[in-house]
Amino acid sequence: MNDTTEVPNQPTENERNPTLTNPDPSSSSPEIVNKIPSLFSLAAEWQINNPQETFQNNILENDVLKRISEITTLIKESYKDLSSQDGMMSKEQQEKMDWDLFCTVPVNIIEQYTKDMDEIFEKMEKLAKQQRLWCESAFQIDVERCGDSILNAETWMKKKERYLEYKNIEMERSANEIKETIQRLTDDK
């Protein structure tokens, strides 16, 4: 899968437009010129290193992609052979193409894909069950805590009401004693 096309030598932007020349190092500060690599050196480095080809080679290391690339090269070769002849494949060319491989590779890819997707769906279902259990248990714990806090508040209110009733009785008794004392004092005069 190494379809690289040669680009014809074309004049660069600087050669076409004489106003776009390399900047004069004396016109700008030397610190900036030293820190900024020139566009020409970057382009040359790009063409020499050719990172696109290394990137494609890394991708093609995958077995499935290798098989697909083999199939596509075989198909391209068969089309080239067909175009050179009268449009019919000879027996030799038909035997050259591995039709079993051509049929089994897509089937294997689809089977592997469905197997992987089934595993992912199983994991998702397990996680969903765990999440539902967690939510239900958290809800149950919240309900119990809420019930306990309501029960505590209710018992506190009942105790406060009893205490206030007791205070009310005591105050009435004290008020009655004060009233009786005042009554006795007024009667003695």
Protein backbone atom coordinates (compact mmCIF):
# COMPACT_ATOMS: atom_id res chain seq x y z
CA MET A 1 0.00 0.00 0.00
CA ASN A 2 2.76 2.32 -0.95
CA ASP A 3 1.06 4.63 -3.45
CA THR A 4 3.34 7.59 -3.49
CA THR A 5 3.18 9.91 -6.43
CA GLU A 6 6.05 12.06 -7.45
CA VAL A 7 5.34 15.77 -7.44
CA PRO A 8 6.99 17.49 -10.40
CA ASN A 9 9.59 20.09 -9.55
CA GLN A 10 7.76 23.38 -9.37
CA PRO A 11 9.28 26.71 -8.53
CA THR A 12 8.86 27.58 -4.88
CA GLU A 13 6.85 30.54 -3.73
CA ASN A 14 10.04 32.54 -3.26
CA GLU A 15 11.24 31.81 -6.80
CA ARG A 16 7.89 32.83 -8.32
CA ASN A 17 7.57 36.03 -6.34
CA PRO A 18 10.87 37.90 -5.99
CA THR A 19 9.45 40.03 -3.17
CA LEU A 20 9.30 36.93 -0.97
CA THR A 21 12.96 36.29 -0.37
CA ASN A 22 14.68 34.89 2.66
CA PRO A 23 14.74 37.47 5.40
CA ASP A 24 17.99 39.30 5.84
CA PRO A 25 19.47 38.31 9.21
CA SER A 26 20.87 41.78 9.65
CA SER A 27 17.40 43.37 9.28
CA SER A 28 15.91 41.60 12.31
CA SER A 29 17.40 40.63 15.62
CA PRO A 30 19.82 37.66 15.42
CA GLU A 31 18.16 35.99 18.43
CA ILE A 32 14.85 35.60 16.56
CA VAL A 33 16.48 34.39 13.34
CA ASN A 34 18.43 31.71 15.23
CA LYS A 35 15.35 30.44 17.07
CA ILE A 36 13.00 30.18 14.07
CA PRO A 37 13.91 27.38 11.64
CA SER A 38 13.55 28.28 8.02
CA LEU A 39 10.63 26.97 6.04
CA PHE A 40 13.01 25.47 3.50
CA SER A 41 14.84 23.38 6.09
CA LEU A 42 11.53 22.14 7.55
CA ALA A 43 10.31 21.11 4.08
CA ALA A 44 13.59 19.36 3.34
CA GLU A 45 13.45 17.54 6.65
CA TRP A 46 9.87 16.50 5.96
CA GLN A 47 10.81 15.08 2.56
CA ILE A 48 13.86 13.24 3.89
CA ASN A 49 12.27 11.71 6.98
CA ASN A 50 8.90 11.05 5.31
CA PRO A 51 6.88 10.56 8.53
CA GLN A 52 3.78 9.71 6.51
CA GLU A 53 5.33 6.47 5.28
CA THR A 54 6.45 5.43 8.78
CA PHE A 55 2.98 6.22 10.08
CA GLN A 56 1.38 4.08 7.36
CA ASN A 57 3.80 1.24 8.11
CA ASN A 58 2.84 1.34 11.80
CA ILE A 59 -0.83 1.13 10.89
CA LEU A 60 -0.26 -1.74 8.47
CA GLU A 61 1.29 -3.84 11.21
CA ASN A 62 -2.19 -4.87 12.22
CA ASP A 63 -3.02 -8.31 10.78
CA VAL A 64 -6.47 -7.35 9.58
CA LEU A 65 -5.20 -4.34 7.72
CA LYS A 66 -2.41 -6.41 6.18
CA ARG A 67 -4.94 -8.87 4.85
CA ILE A 68 -7.13 -6.11 3.51
CA SER A 69 -4.15 -4.49 1.82
CA GLU A 70 -3.22 -7.85 0.25
CA ILE A 71 -6.74 -8.22 -1.09
CA THR A 72 -6.77 -4.72 -2.51
CA THR A 73 -3.40 -5.22 -4.21
CA LEU A 74 -4.67 -8.46 -5.74
CA ILE A 75 -7.78 -6.68 -6.96
CA LYS A 76 -5.70 -3.84 -8.41
CA GLU A 77 -3.46 -6.34 -10.18
CA SER A 78 -6.45 -8.13 -11.61
CA TYR A 79 -7.87 -4.84 -12.91
CA LYS A 80 -4.51 -4.01 -14.49
CA ASP A 81 -4.47 -7.42 -16.15
CA LEU A 82 -8.04 -6.94 -17.35
CA SER A 83 -7.29 -3.56 -18.83
CA SER A 84 -4.29 -4.92 -20.73
CA GLN A 85 -6.34 -7.72 -22.29
CA ASP A 86 -9.72 -7.85 -23.91
CA GLY A 87 -11.58 -7.54 -20.62
CA MET A 88 -11.58 -11.22 -19.64
CA MET A 89 -9.43 -12.86 -17.01
CA SER A 90 -7.47 -15.86 -18.05
CA LYS A 91 -7.62 -19.07 -16.05
CA GLU A 92 -4.11 -18.43 -14.74
CA GLN A 93 -5.10 -15.01 -13.41
CA GLN A 94 -8.25 -16.37 -11.81
CA GLU A 95 -6.26 -19.08 -10.06
CA LYS A 96 -3.70 -16.52 -8.95
CA MET A 97 -6.29 -14.76 -6.81
CA ASP A 98 -7.01 -16.54 -3.53
CA TRP A 99 -10.79 -16.44 -3.54
CA ASP A 100 -11.06 -18.34 -0.25
CA LEU A 101 -8.98 -15.66 1.43
CA PHE A 102 -11.01 -12.99 -0.34
CA CYS A 103 -14.23 -14.45 1.09
CA THR A 104 -13.04 -15.51 4.53
CA VAL A 105 -11.24 -12.31 5.55
CA PRO A 106 -14.38 -10.12 5.56
CA VAL A 107 -16.35 -12.87 7.28
CA ASN A 108 -13.63 -13.20 9.94
CA ILE A 109 -13.55 -9.43 10.39
CA ILE A 110 -17.32 -9.32 10.87
CA GLU A 111 -17.25 -12.28 13.26
CA GLN A 112 -14.46 -10.70 15.30
CA TYR A 113 -16.34 -7.41 15.35
CA THR A 114 -19.59 -9.03 16.53
CA LYS A 115 -17.67 -11.04 19.15
CA ASP A 116 -15.97 -7.88 20.45
CA MET A 117 -19.26 -5.98 20.45
CA ASP A 118 -20.98 -8.82 22.35
CA GLU A 119 -18.24 -8.71 24.98
CA ILE A 120 -18.58 -4.94 25.25
CA PHE A 121 -22.37 -5.22 25.59
CA GLU A 122 -21.99 -7.90 28.30
CA LYS A 123 -19.62 -5.64 30.23
CA MET A 124 -22.02 -2.72 29.79
CA GLU A 125 -24.93 -4.85 31.05
CA LYS A 126 -22.91 -5.94 34.12
CA LEU A 127 -22.00 -2.33 34.85
CA ALA A 128 -25.62 -1.26 34.40
CA LYS A 129 -26.75 -3.98 36.86
CA GLN A 130 -24.12 -2.87 39.36
CA GLN A 131 -25.21 0.73 38.96
CA ARG A 132 -28.88 -0.19 39.49
CA LEU A 133 -27.97 -2.21 42.61
CA TRP A 134 -25.89 0.68 43.90
CA CYS A 135 -28.71 3.15 43.28
CA GLU A 136 -31.27 0.90 44.96
CA SER A 137 -29.05 0.31 47.99
CA ALA A 138 -28.25 4.03 48.25
CA PHE A 139 -31.97 4.80 48.05
CA GLN A 140 -32.72 2.19 50.74
CA ILE A 141 -30.00 3.62 53.00
CA ASP A 142 -31.35 7.15 52.46
CA VAL A 143 -34.87 5.99 53.30
CA GLU A 144 -33.66 4.34 56.52
CA ARG A 145 -31.65 7.41 57.52
CA CYS A 146 -34.60 9.65 56.76
CA GLY A 147 -36.90 7.40 58.80
CA ASP A 148 -34.44 7.41 61.71
CA SER A 149 -34.10 11.19 61.64
CA ILE A 150 -37.89 11.65 61.49
CA LEU A 151 -38.31 9.20 64.39
CA ASN A 152 -35.65 11.04 66.41
CA ALA A 153 -37.31 14.38 65.67
CA GLU A 154 -40.71 12.98 66.65
CA THR A 155 -39.44 11.60 69.97
CA TRP A 156 -37.66 14.90 70.68
CA MET A 157 -40.87 16.83 69.95
CA LYS A 158 -42.90 14.51 72.24
CA LYS A 159 -40.37 14.96 75.05
CA LYS A 160 -40.45 18.74 74.55
CA GLU A 161 -44.27 18.73 74.62
CA ARG A 162 -44.27 16.72 77.87
CA TYR A 163 -41.69 19.08 79.35
CA LEU A 164 -43.75 22.11 78.28
CA GLU A 165 -46.89 20.51 79.79
CA TYR A 166 -45.01 19.94 83.01
CA LYS A 167 -43.78 23.56 82.98
CA ASN A 168 -47.30 24.76 82.24
CA ILE A 169 -48.68 22.79 85.22
CA GLU A 170 -45.90 24.10 87.46
CA MET A 171 -46.50 27.69 86.36
CA GLU A 172 -50.26 27.34 86.91
CA ARG A 173 -49.64 25.92 90.36
CA SER A 174 -47.17 28.73 91.13
CA ALA A 175 -49.64 31.29 89.79
CA ASN A 176 -52.40 29.78 91.97
CA GLU A 177 -50.18 29.91 95.06
CA ILE A 178 -49.29 33.54 94.32
CA LYS A 179 -52.95 34.31 93.80
CA GLU A 180 -53.95 32.59 97.05
CA THR A 181 -51.16 34.38 98.91
CA ILE A 182 -52.31 37.74 97.55
CA GLN A 183 -55.90 36.85 98.43
CA ARG A 184 -54.93 35.95 101.99
CA LEU A 185 -52.94 39.12 102.37
CA THR A 186 -55.80 41.25 101.14
CA ASP A 187 -58.27 39.43 103.42
CA ASP A 188 -56.08 39.99 106.49
CA LYS A 189 -56.20 43.74 106.08
